[in-house]
Amino acid sequence: MSVHHRKIKLLQLGLGEEGAVEQFECQVQSWNMVNNTEDGDKQYAMCPDGEFREPGDPDWALEVTFYADWRSTGISDFLWRNRGKEIPFTLDHHPDIPDEHVRWTGVLLVKAPSVGGEPRQTETHEMTFNIKGEPVYERVTVTP
């Protein structure tokens, strides 16, 4: 198989309950879905094949740097209004490439953003949201 590569260009990021999902991809500067799940403890039994690992508990996070937007419909206001709440999210990666379009869904704990910065610098929010459990992964297929 030959090498295949792709630049990250587009994503779709929806936050909120079905019917009230707000899209914030235009405010995203960078993002990472981070798997912090530990490998689990190695255990042994008194037999030849008695070595195994107990699985670790899922520990996932979504790291996002947003461009701040303090308008009433902006991401900054959304995060402050929903701080402390568990909110569903949908993240579509490569939504413009049918053979590579994948999606993660789950529930994340919303935090209020930190505020401030240097003069004459673009205001951003560097956020790490803890994800409840493990996000659901799916390949998005378009049916004709």
C-alpha atoms as a PDB file:
ATOM      1  CA  MET A   1       0.000   0.000   0.000  1.00  0.00           C
ATOM      2  CA  SER A   2       1.328   3.457  -0.861  1.00  0.00           C
ATOM      3  CA  VAL A   3       1.452   6.379   1.531  1.00  0.00           C
ATOM      4  CA  HIS A   4      -1.745   8.385   1.939  1.00  0.00           C
ATOM      5  CA  HIS A   5      -1.795  11.800   3.596  1.00  0.00           C
ATOM      6  CA  ARG A   6      -4.250  14.584   4.106  1.00  0.00           C
ATOM      7  CA  LYS A   7      -4.103  18.127   5.498  1.00  0.00           C
ATOM      8  CA  ILE A   8      -6.645  19.033   8.132  1.00  0.00           C
ATOM      9  CA  LYS A   9      -8.879  21.679   6.574  1.00  0.00           C
ATOM     10  CA  LEU A  10     -12.495  21.255   7.577  1.00  0.00           C
ATOM     11  CA  LEU A  11     -14.467  19.954  10.500  1.00  0.00           C
ATOM     12  CA  GLN A  12     -17.973  20.345  11.778  1.00  0.00           C
ATOM     13  CA  LEU A  13     -18.425  20.863  15.525  1.00  0.00           C
ATOM     14  CA  GLY A  14     -21.909  20.830  16.966  1.00  0.00           C
ATOM     15  CA  LEU A  15     -22.649  21.380  20.661  1.00  0.00           C
ATOM     16  CA  GLY A  16     -26.041  20.915  22.289  1.00  0.00           C
ATOM     17  CA  GLU A  17     -29.127  18.753  22.447  1.00  0.00           C
ATOM     18  CA  GLU A  18     -30.782  17.461  19.282  1.00  0.00           C
ATOM     19  CA  GLY A  19     -33.004  20.183  17.900  1.00  0.00           C
ATOM     20  CA  ALA A  20     -30.886  22.893  19.576  1.00  0.00           C
ATOM     21  CA  VAL A  21     -27.410  22.085  18.240  1.00  0.00           C
ATOM     22  CA  GLU A  22     -25.173  25.095  17.707  1.00  0.00           C
ATOM     23  CA  GLN A  23     -22.344  24.875  15.158  1.00  0.00           C
ATOM     24  CA  PHE A  24     -18.977  26.380  16.124  1.00  0.00           C
ATOM     25  CA  GLU A  25     -16.469  25.088  13.551  1.00  0.00           C
ATOM     26  CA  CYS A  26     -15.776  28.597  12.231  1.00  0.00           C
ATOM     27  CA  GLN A  27     -14.430  29.570  15.675  1.00  0.00           C
ATOM     28  CA  VAL A  28     -12.022  26.580  15.886  1.00  0.00           C
ATOM     29  CA  GLN A  29      -8.328  27.326  15.409  1.00  0.00           C
ATOM     30  CA  SER A  30      -7.119  23.832  16.356  1.00  0.00           C
ATOM     31  CA  TRP A  31      -8.465  20.635  17.910  1.00  0.00           C
ATOM     32  CA  ASN A  32      -7.353  17.241  19.197  1.00  0.00           C
ATOM     33  CA  MET A  33      -9.329  14.253  20.426  1.00  0.00           C
ATOM     34  CA  VAL A  34      -7.075  12.925  23.189  1.00  0.00           C
ATOM     35  CA  ASN A  35      -7.103   9.349  24.510  1.00  0.00           C
ATOM     36  CA  ASN A  36      -5.775   9.486  28.086  1.00  0.00           C
ATOM     37  CA  THR A  37      -6.941   5.936  28.880  1.00  0.00           C
ATOM     38  CA  GLU A  38      -4.296   4.018  30.813  1.00  0.00           C
ATOM     39  CA  ASP A  39      -3.194   0.607  29.561  1.00  0.00           C
ATOM     40  CA  GLY A  40      -4.390  -1.092  32.731  1.00  0.00           C
ATOM     41  CA  ASP A  41      -2.575  -3.127  35.354  1.00  0.00           C
ATOM     42  CA  LYS A  42      -0.702  -6.258  34.370  1.00  0.00           C
ATOM     43  CA  GLN A  43      -1.969  -9.290  36.262  1.00  0.00           C
ATOM     44  CA  TYR A  44      -0.619 -12.833  36.591  1.00  0.00           C
ATOM     45  CA  ALA A  45      -2.118 -16.240  37.305  1.00  0.00           C
ATOM     46  CA  MET A  46      -0.274 -19.446  38.162  1.00  0.00           C
ATOM     47  CA  CYS A  47      -0.537 -21.009  34.696  1.00  0.00           C
ATOM     48  CA  PRO A  48       1.528 -20.870  31.455  1.00  0.00           C
ATOM     49  CA  ASP A  49      -0.799 -18.347  29.773  1.00  0.00           C
ATOM     50  CA  GLY A  50      -1.630 -16.502  32.966  1.00  0.00           C
ATOM     51  CA  GLU A  51      -0.514 -12.998  32.019  1.00  0.00           C
ATOM     52  CA  PHE A  52      -3.190 -10.413  31.169  1.00  0.00           C
ATOM     53  CA  ARG A  53      -4.040  -6.755  31.526  1.00  0.00           C
ATOM     54  CA  GLU A  54      -7.157  -5.431  33.171  1.00  0.00           C
ATOM     55  CA  PRO A  55      -8.547  -2.764  30.854  1.00  0.00           C
ATOM     56  CA  GLY A  56      -8.328   0.836  32.033  1.00  0.00           C
ATOM     57  CA  ASP A  57     -11.365   3.037  32.417  1.00  0.00           C
ATOM     58  CA  PRO A  58     -12.037   5.240  29.370  1.00  0.00           C
ATOM     59  CA  ASP A  59     -10.464   8.677  29.809  1.00  0.00           C
ATOM     60  CA  TRP A  60     -10.969  10.930  26.787  1.00  0.00           C
ATOM     61  CA  ALA A  61     -10.754  14.682  26.294  1.00  0.00           C
ATOM     62  CA  LEU A  62     -11.404  17.163  23.512  1.00  0.00           C
ATOM     63  CA  GLU A  63      -8.776  19.905  23.325  1.00  0.00           C
ATOM     64  CA  VAL A  64      -9.896  22.919  21.303  1.00  0.00           C
ATOM     65  CA  THR A  65      -8.503  26.373  20.728  1.00  0.00           C
ATOM     66  CA  PHE A  66     -11.367  28.686  19.832  1.00  0.00           C
ATOM     67  CA  TYR A  67     -11.238  32.228  18.507  1.00  0.00           C
ATOM     68  CA  ALA A  68     -13.139  34.130  21.199  1.00  0.00           C
ATOM     69  CA  ASP A  69     -16.593  35.355  20.210  1.00  0.00           C
ATOM     70  CA  TRP A  70     -18.494  37.264  22.897  1.00  0.00           C
ATOM     71  CA  ARG A  71     -21.609  37.950  20.798  1.00  0.00           C
ATOM     72  CA  SER A  72     -24.842  36.488  22.201  1.00  0.00           C
ATOM     73  CA  THR A  73     -24.583  33.578  19.711  1.00  0.00           C
ATOM     74  CA  GLY A  74     -20.793  33.175  20.017  1.00  0.00           C
ATOM     75  CA  ILE A  75     -18.764  30.327  21.492  1.00  0.00           C
ATOM     76  CA  SER A  76     -17.534  32.413  24.449  1.00  0.00           C
ATOM     77  CA  ASP A  77     -21.089  33.238  25.536  1.00  0.00           C
ATOM     78  CA  PHE A  78     -22.214  29.631  24.911  1.00  0.00           C
ATOM     79  CA  LEU A  79     -19.454  28.259  27.171  1.00  0.00           C
ATOM     80  CA  TRP A  80     -20.246  30.716  29.986  1.00  0.00           C
ATOM     81  CA  ARG A  81     -24.003  30.062  29.781  1.00  0.00           C
ATOM     82  CA  ASN A  82     -23.483  26.271  29.836  1.00  0.00           C
ATOM     83  CA  ARG A  83     -20.541  25.986  32.268  1.00  0.00           C
ATOM     84  CA  GLY A  84     -20.794  22.924  34.484  1.00  0.00           C
ATOM     85  CA  LYS A  85     -23.306  21.198  32.198  1.00  0.00           C
ATOM     86  CA  GLU A  86     -22.876  17.930  30.356  1.00  0.00           C
ATOM     87  CA  ILE A  87     -23.621  18.662  26.697  1.00  0.00           C
ATOM     88  CA  PRO A  88     -23.740  16.337  23.681  1.00  0.00           C
ATOM     89  CA  PHE A  89     -21.207  16.992  20.937  1.00  0.00           C
ATOM     90  CA  THR A  90     -20.734  15.870  17.352  1.00  0.00           C
ATOM     91  CA  LEU A  91     -17.387  16.268  15.618  1.00  0.00           C
ATOM     92  CA  ASP A  92     -17.168  15.491  11.902  1.00  0.00           C
ATOM     93  CA  HIS A  93     -13.623  15.068  10.516  1.00  0.00           C
ATOM     94  CA  HIS A  94     -13.053  15.459   6.738  1.00  0.00           C
ATOM     95  CA  PRO A  95     -16.765  16.108   6.065  1.00  0.00           C
ATOM     96  CA  ASP A  96     -15.890  17.190   2.525  1.00  0.00           C
ATOM     97  CA  ILE A  97     -14.248  13.857   1.561  1.00  0.00           C
ATOM     98  CA  PRO A  98     -16.861  11.079   1.283  1.00  0.00           C
ATOM     99  CA  ASP A  99     -14.394   8.166   1.633  1.00  0.00           C
ATOM    100  CA  GLU A 100     -12.733   9.717   4.716  1.00  0.00           C
ATOM    101  CA  HIS A 101     -15.642  11.372   6.517  1.00  0.00           C
ATOM    102  CA  VAL A 102     -15.692  10.102  10.111  1.00  0.00           C
ATOM    103  CA  ARG A 103     -17.655  11.264  13.144  1.00  0.00           C
ATOM    104  CA  TRP A 104     -17.279  11.175  16.918  1.00  0.00           C
ATOM    105  CA  THR A 105     -20.244  11.766  19.211  1.00  0.00           C
ATOM    106  CA  GLY A 106     -20.472  11.847  22.954  1.00  0.00           C
ATOM    107  CA  VAL A 107     -21.062  14.025  25.969  1.00  0.00           C
ATOM    108  CA  LEU A 108     -18.573  16.552  27.299  1.00  0.00           C
ATOM    109  CA  LEU A 109     -18.401  18.629  30.456  1.00  0.00           C
ATOM    110  CA  VAL A 110     -18.524  22.313  29.531  1.00  0.00           C
ATOM    111  CA  LYS A 111     -16.172  24.736  31.278  1.00  0.00           C
ATOM    112  CA  ALA A 112     -16.198  28.504  31.149  1.00  0.00           C
ATOM    113  CA  PRO A 113     -13.262  29.896  29.195  1.00  0.00           C
ATOM    114  CA  SER A 114     -10.392  31.834  30.715  1.00  0.00           C
ATOM    115  CA  VAL A 115     -10.411  35.460  29.619  1.00  0.00           C
ATOM    116  CA  GLY A 116      -7.671  37.965  28.859  1.00  0.00           C
ATOM    117  CA  GLY A 117      -4.364  38.177  27.053  1.00  0.00           C
ATOM    118  CA  GLU A 118      -1.741  40.460  25.605  1.00  0.00           C
ATOM    119  CA  PRO A 119      -2.626  43.764  23.949  1.00  0.00           C
ATOM    120  CA  ARG A 120      -3.167  43.674  20.194  1.00  0.00           C
ATOM    121  CA  GLN A 121      -3.263  39.863  20.150  1.00  0.00           C
ATOM    122  CA  THR A 122      -6.145  37.815  18.765  1.00  0.00           C
ATOM    123  CA  GLU A 123      -8.244  36.618  21.693  1.00  0.00           C
ATOM    124  CA  THR A 124      -8.506  32.827  21.941  1.00  0.00           C
ATOM    125  CA  HIS A 125      -9.732  30.228  24.427  1.00  0.00           C
ATOM    126  CA  GLU A 126      -7.572  27.123  24.922  1.00  0.00           C
ATOM    127  CA  MET A 127      -9.997  24.565  26.309  1.00  0.00           C
ATOM    128  CA  THR A 128      -9.796  20.951  27.443  1.00  0.00           C
ATOM    129  CA  PHE A 129     -13.190  19.311  27.815  1.00  0.00           C
ATOM    130  CA  ASN A 130     -13.457  15.987  29.627  1.00  0.00           C
ATOM    131  CA  ILE A 131     -15.577  13.500  27.700  1.00  0.00           C
ATOM    132  CA  LYS A 132     -17.974  11.257  29.589  1.00  0.00           C
ATOM    133  CA  GLY A 133     -16.939   7.671  28.834  1.00  0.00           C
ATOM    134  CA  GLU A 134     -15.598   6.918  25.385  1.00  0.00           C
ATOM    135  CA  PRO A 135     -16.740   8.872  22.306  1.00  0.00           C
ATOM    136  CA  VAL A 136     -18.653   6.886  19.689  1.00  0.00           C
ATOM    137  CA  TYR A 137     -16.798   6.577  16.375  1.00  0.00           C
ATOM    138  CA  GLU A 138     -18.543   6.031  13.077  1.00  0.00           C
ATOM    139  CA  ARG A 139     -17.802   6.219   9.390  1.00  0.00           C
ATOM    140  CA  VAL A 140     -20.265   8.543   7.679  1.00  0.00           C
ATOM    141  CA  THR A 141     -21.596   7.171   4.418  1.00  0.00           C
ATOM    142  CA  VAL A 142     -23.719   9.019   1.931  1.00  0.00           C
ATOM    143  CA  THR A 143     -26.569   6.988   0.522  1.00  0.00           C
ATOM    144  CA  PRO A 144     -27.797   7.933  -2.943  1.00  0.00           C
END
